[in-house]
Amino acid sequence: MELKLAPMDTANISQASAQTIVVESLLESTSPLQMIYLDKQNSQKDLQKAKTLLESKGKVVYMGEVHYGLDAKDFIYEFRIL
């Protein structure tokens, strides 16, 4: 399963340069804490599937929205994986 990562430079956002991450690759990390920021174009259904997949493999996942502007549509998703 692939999810789109949030762009790090909001001044130069282009759809062609959107990066993706494979959810299964998050299981390979030996880091005790991972923070992943995901694009708002990911569907809520896909995010829930990714969370369920990671939790079934023994990870603890906290999912939330991070607002970076005054507009309600200025947000990204955050996954904190323990």
N, C-alpha and C. Protein backbone atom coordinates (compact mmCIF):
# COMPACT_ATOMS: atom_id res chain seq x y z
N MET A 1 0.84 -1.17 0.00
CA MET A 1 0.00 0.00 0.00
C MET A 1 0.89 1.24 0.00
N GLU A 2 0.59 2.18 -0.88
CA GLU A 2 1.36 3.42 -0.98
C GLU A 2 0.50 4.60 -0.56
N LEU A 3 1.13 5.55 0.13
CA LEU A 3 0.47 6.78 0.53
C LEU A 3 1.34 7.96 0.09
N LYS A 4 0.72 9.09 -0.23
CA LYS A 4 1.45 10.28 -0.63
C LYS A 4 1.99 11.00 0.59
N LEU A 5 3.26 11.37 0.53
CA LEU A 5 3.86 12.16 1.58
C LEU A 5 3.48 13.63 1.41
N ALA A 6 3.45 14.35 2.51
CA ALA A 6 3.16 15.78 2.45
C ALA A 6 4.36 16.51 1.87
N PRO A 7 4.13 17.54 1.06
CA PRO A 7 5.25 18.30 0.51
C PRO A 7 5.92 19.09 1.63
N MET A 8 7.24 19.17 1.58
CA MET A 8 7.97 19.89 2.62
C MET A 8 8.13 21.37 2.29
N ASP A 9 8.05 21.72 1.01
CA ASP A 9 8.19 23.11 0.59
C ASP A 9 6.88 23.55 -0.05
N THR A 10 6.06 24.26 0.69
CA THR A 10 4.74 24.63 0.18
C THR A 10 4.81 25.69 -0.92
N ALA A 11 5.94 26.37 -1.09
CA ALA A 11 6.06 27.39 -2.14
C ALA A 11 6.20 26.75 -3.51
N ASN A 12 6.77 25.55 -3.58
CA ASN A 12 7.02 24.90 -4.87
C ASN A 12 6.28 23.58 -4.99
N ILE A 13 5.00 23.58 -4.68
CA ILE A 13 4.22 22.35 -4.75
C ILE A 13 3.86 22.06 -6.20
N SER A 14 4.18 20.86 -6.64
CA SER A 14 3.73 20.41 -7.96
C SER A 14 3.29 18.97 -7.84
N GLN A 15 2.23 18.63 -8.52
CA GLN A 15 1.67 17.29 -8.42
C GLN A 15 2.62 16.25 -9.02
N ALA A 16 3.45 16.66 -9.97
CA ALA A 16 4.35 15.71 -10.62
C ALA A 16 5.45 15.24 -9.66
N SER A 17 5.79 16.06 -8.69
CA SER A 17 6.88 15.70 -7.79
C SER A 17 6.38 15.09 -6.48
N ALA A 18 5.14 14.67 -6.44
CA ALA A 18 4.59 14.07 -5.22
C ALA A 18 5.31 12.77 -4.91
N GLN A 19 5.81 12.64 -3.70
CA GLN A 19 6.51 11.44 -3.28
C GLN A 19 5.54 10.51 -2.56
N THR A 20 5.79 9.23 -2.68
CA THR A 20 4.97 8.25 -2.00
C THR A 20 5.84 7.40 -1.08
N ILE A 21 5.19 6.76 -0.13
CA ILE A 21 5.88 5.86 0.78
C ILE A 21 5.09 4.56 0.83
N VAL A 22 5.81 3.46 0.87
CA VAL A 22 5.18 2.15 1.00
C VAL A 22 5.01 1.88 2.49
N VAL A 23 3.79 1.61 2.90
CA VAL A 23 3.48 1.44 4.32
C VAL A 23 4.28 0.30 4.93
N GLU A 24 4.46 -0.78 4.20
CA GLU A 24 5.19 -1.93 4.72
C GLU A 24 6.64 -1.59 5.05
N SER A 25 7.21 -0.57 4.39
CA SER A 25 8.60 -0.19 4.66
C SER A 25 8.74 0.45 6.04
N LEU A 26 7.64 0.94 6.61
CA LEU A 26 7.69 1.53 7.94
C LEU A 26 7.93 0.48 9.02
N LEU A 27 7.65 -0.77 8.70
CA LEU A 27 7.86 -1.85 9.66
C LEU A 27 9.33 -2.22 9.82
N GLU A 28 10.15 -1.86 8.84
CA GLU A 28 11.56 -2.24 8.84
C GLU A 28 12.42 -1.34 9.70
N SER A 29 11.93 -0.19 10.10
CA SER A 29 12.73 0.75 10.87
C SER A 29 12.96 0.24 12.29
N THR A 30 14.17 0.49 12.80
CA THR A 30 14.50 0.11 14.17
C THR A 30 14.35 1.28 15.13
N SER A 31 13.96 2.42 14.61
CA SER A 31 13.76 3.61 15.43
C SER A 31 12.56 3.41 16.35
N PRO A 32 12.67 3.81 17.63
CA PRO A 32 11.54 3.63 18.54
C PRO A 32 10.36 4.57 18.24
N LEU A 33 10.61 5.68 17.53
CA LEU A 33 9.55 6.62 17.20
C LEU A 33 9.73 7.10 15.78
N GLN A 34 8.67 7.03 15.00
CA GLN A 34 8.67 7.55 13.65
C GLN A 34 7.53 8.55 13.52
N MET A 35 7.80 9.67 12.88
CA MET A 35 6.76 10.65 12.60
C MET A 35 6.72 10.84 11.09
N ILE A 36 5.58 10.53 10.50
CA ILE A 36 5.40 10.62 9.06
C ILE A 36 4.28 11.62 8.79
N TYR A 37 4.53 12.55 7.87
CA TYR A 37 3.52 13.54 7.50
C TYR A 37 3.01 13.20 6.11
N LEU A 38 1.70 13.03 6.00
CA LEU A 38 1.06 12.58 4.77
C LEU A 38 0.17 13.66 4.18
N ASP A 39 0.06 13.65 2.86
CA ASP A 39 -0.71 14.64 2.13
C ASP A 39 -2.20 14.49 2.40
N LYS A 40 -2.92 15.60 2.32
CA LYS A 40 -4.37 15.56 2.57
C LYS A 40 -5.13 14.89 1.43
N GLN A 41 -4.47 14.61 0.31
CA GLN A 41 -5.13 13.94 -0.80
C GLN A 41 -5.30 12.44 -0.56
N ASN A 42 -4.63 11.90 0.45
CA ASN A 42 -4.85 10.50 0.82
C ASN A 42 -6.26 10.37 1.39
N SER A 43 -6.94 9.32 1.00
CA SER A 43 -8.31 9.14 1.50
C SER A 43 -8.29 8.65 2.95
N GLN A 44 -9.32 9.01 3.66
CA GLN A 44 -9.44 8.59 5.06
C GLN A 44 -9.48 7.06 5.15
N LYS A 45 -10.08 6.44 4.17
CA LYS A 45 -10.18 4.98 4.13
C LYS A 45 -8.79 4.34 3.99
N ASP A 46 -7.93 4.90 3.13
CA ASP A 46 -6.58 4.38 2.97
C ASP A 46 -5.74 4.58 4.23
N LEU A 47 -5.93 5.72 4.89
CA LEU A 47 -5.19 5.98 6.12
C LEU A 47 -5.59 5.00 7.21
N GLN A 48 -6.88 4.69 7.31
CA GLN A 48 -7.34 3.72 8.29
C GLN A 48 -6.80 2.32 7.98
N LYS A 49 -6.73 1.97 6.70
CA LYS A 49 -6.17 0.67 6.31
C LYS A 49 -4.70 0.59 6.71
N ALA A 50 -3.96 1.67 6.46
CA ALA A 50 -2.54 1.69 6.82
C ALA A 50 -2.36 1.59 8.33
N LYS A 51 -3.18 2.30 9.07
CA LYS A 51 -3.11 2.24 10.54
C LYS A 51 -3.40 0.84 11.04
N THR A 52 -4.43 0.20 10.48
CA THR A 52 -4.80 -1.16 10.87
C THR A 52 -3.69 -2.14 10.54
N LEU A 53 -3.07 -1.98 9.37
CA LEU A 53 -1.97 -2.85 8.97
C LEU A 53 -0.80 -2.74 9.94
N LEU A 54 -0.41 -1.52 10.28
CA LEU A 54 0.71 -1.32 11.19
C LEU A 54 0.39 -1.85 12.59
N GLU A 55 -0.84 -1.65 13.04
CA GLU A 55 -1.23 -2.15 14.37
C GLU A 55 -1.28 -3.67 14.40
N SER A 56 -1.64 -4.29 13.29
CA SER A 56 -1.68 -5.76 13.26
C SER A 56 -0.27 -6.36 13.32
N LYS A 57 0.72 -5.56 12.96
CA LYS A 57 2.12 -6.02 13.02
C LYS A 57 2.79 -5.64 14.34
N GLY A 58 2.03 -5.15 15.32
CA GLY A 58 2.56 -4.88 16.64
C GLY A 58 2.98 -3.45 16.91
N LYS A 59 2.72 -2.55 16.00
CA LYS A 59 3.07 -1.14 16.20
C LYS A 59 1.90 -0.40 16.85
N VAL A 60 2.20 0.67 17.55
CA VAL A 60 1.18 1.56 18.10
C VAL A 60 1.18 2.80 17.22
N VAL A 61 0.02 3.16 16.69
CA VAL A 61 -0.07 4.26 15.73
C VAL A 61 -1.06 5.31 16.23
N TYR A 62 -0.60 6.56 16.26
CA TYR A 62 -1.46 7.69 16.57
C TYR A 62 -1.60 8.51 15.29
N MET A 63 -2.82 8.76 14.88
CA MET A 63 -3.08 9.50 13.66
C MET A 63 -3.80 10.79 13.99
N GLY A 64 -3.38 11.88 13.36
CA GLY A 64 -4.04 13.15 13.60
C GLY A 64 -3.88 14.09 12.42
N GLU A 65 -4.52 15.24 12.53
CA GLU A 65 -4.41 16.28 11.52
C GLU A 65 -3.57 17.41 12.08
N VAL A 66 -2.70 17.96 11.25
CA VAL A 66 -1.89 19.11 11.62
C VAL A 66 -2.33 20.27 10.73
N HIS A 67 -2.85 21.32 11.34
CA HIS A 67 -3.30 22.50 10.59
C HIS A 67 -2.15 23.50 10.53
N TYR A 68 -1.87 24.01 9.32
CA TYR A 68 -0.75 24.93 9.15
C TYR A 68 -1.19 26.30 8.62
N GLY A 69 -2.46 26.54 8.59
CA GLY A 69 -2.99 27.84 8.13
C GLY A 69 -4.33 28.12 8.78
N LEU A 70 -4.88 29.25 8.42
CA LEU A 70 -6.17 29.64 9.01
C LEU A 70 -7.34 28.98 8.30
N ASP A 71 -7.16 28.57 7.07
CA ASP A 71 -8.22 27.94 6.32
C ASP A 71 -8.42 26.50 6.78
N ALA A 72 -9.64 26.04 6.79
CA ALA A 72 -9.94 24.68 7.26
C ALA A 72 -9.33 23.60 6.36
N LYS A 73 -9.05 23.94 5.10
CA LYS A 73 -8.47 22.95 4.20
C LYS A 73 -6.94 22.96 4.19
N ASP A 74 -6.32 23.76 5.02
CA ASP A 74 -4.86 23.80 5.13
C ASP A 74 -4.41 22.85 6.24
N PHE A 75 -4.31 21.58 5.89
CA PHE A 75 -3.89 20.59 6.88
C PHE A 75 -3.17 19.44 6.18
N ILE A 76 -2.44 18.69 6.98
CA ILE A 76 -1.81 17.44 6.55
C ILE A 76 -2.10 16.41 7.63
N TYR A 77 -1.88 15.15 7.30
CA TYR A 77 -2.07 14.08 8.29
C TYR A 77 -0.71 13.73 8.91
N GLU A 78 -0.76 13.35 10.16
CA GLU A 78 0.45 12.95 10.88
C GLU A 78 0.26 11.54 11.42
N PHE A 79 1.24 10.69 11.19
CA PHE A 79 1.28 9.36 11.79
C PHE A 79 2.45 9.35 12.77
N ARG A 80 2.17 9.03 14.02
CA ARG A 80 3.23 8.79 15.00
C ARG A 80 3.23 7.30 15.28
N ILE A 81 4.33 6.65 14.95
CA ILE A 81 4.41 5.20 15.04
C ILE A 81 5.41 4.83 16.13
N LEU A 82 4.96 4.08 17.11
CA LEU A 82 5.81 3.64 18.22
C LEU A 82 6.06 2.15 18.11
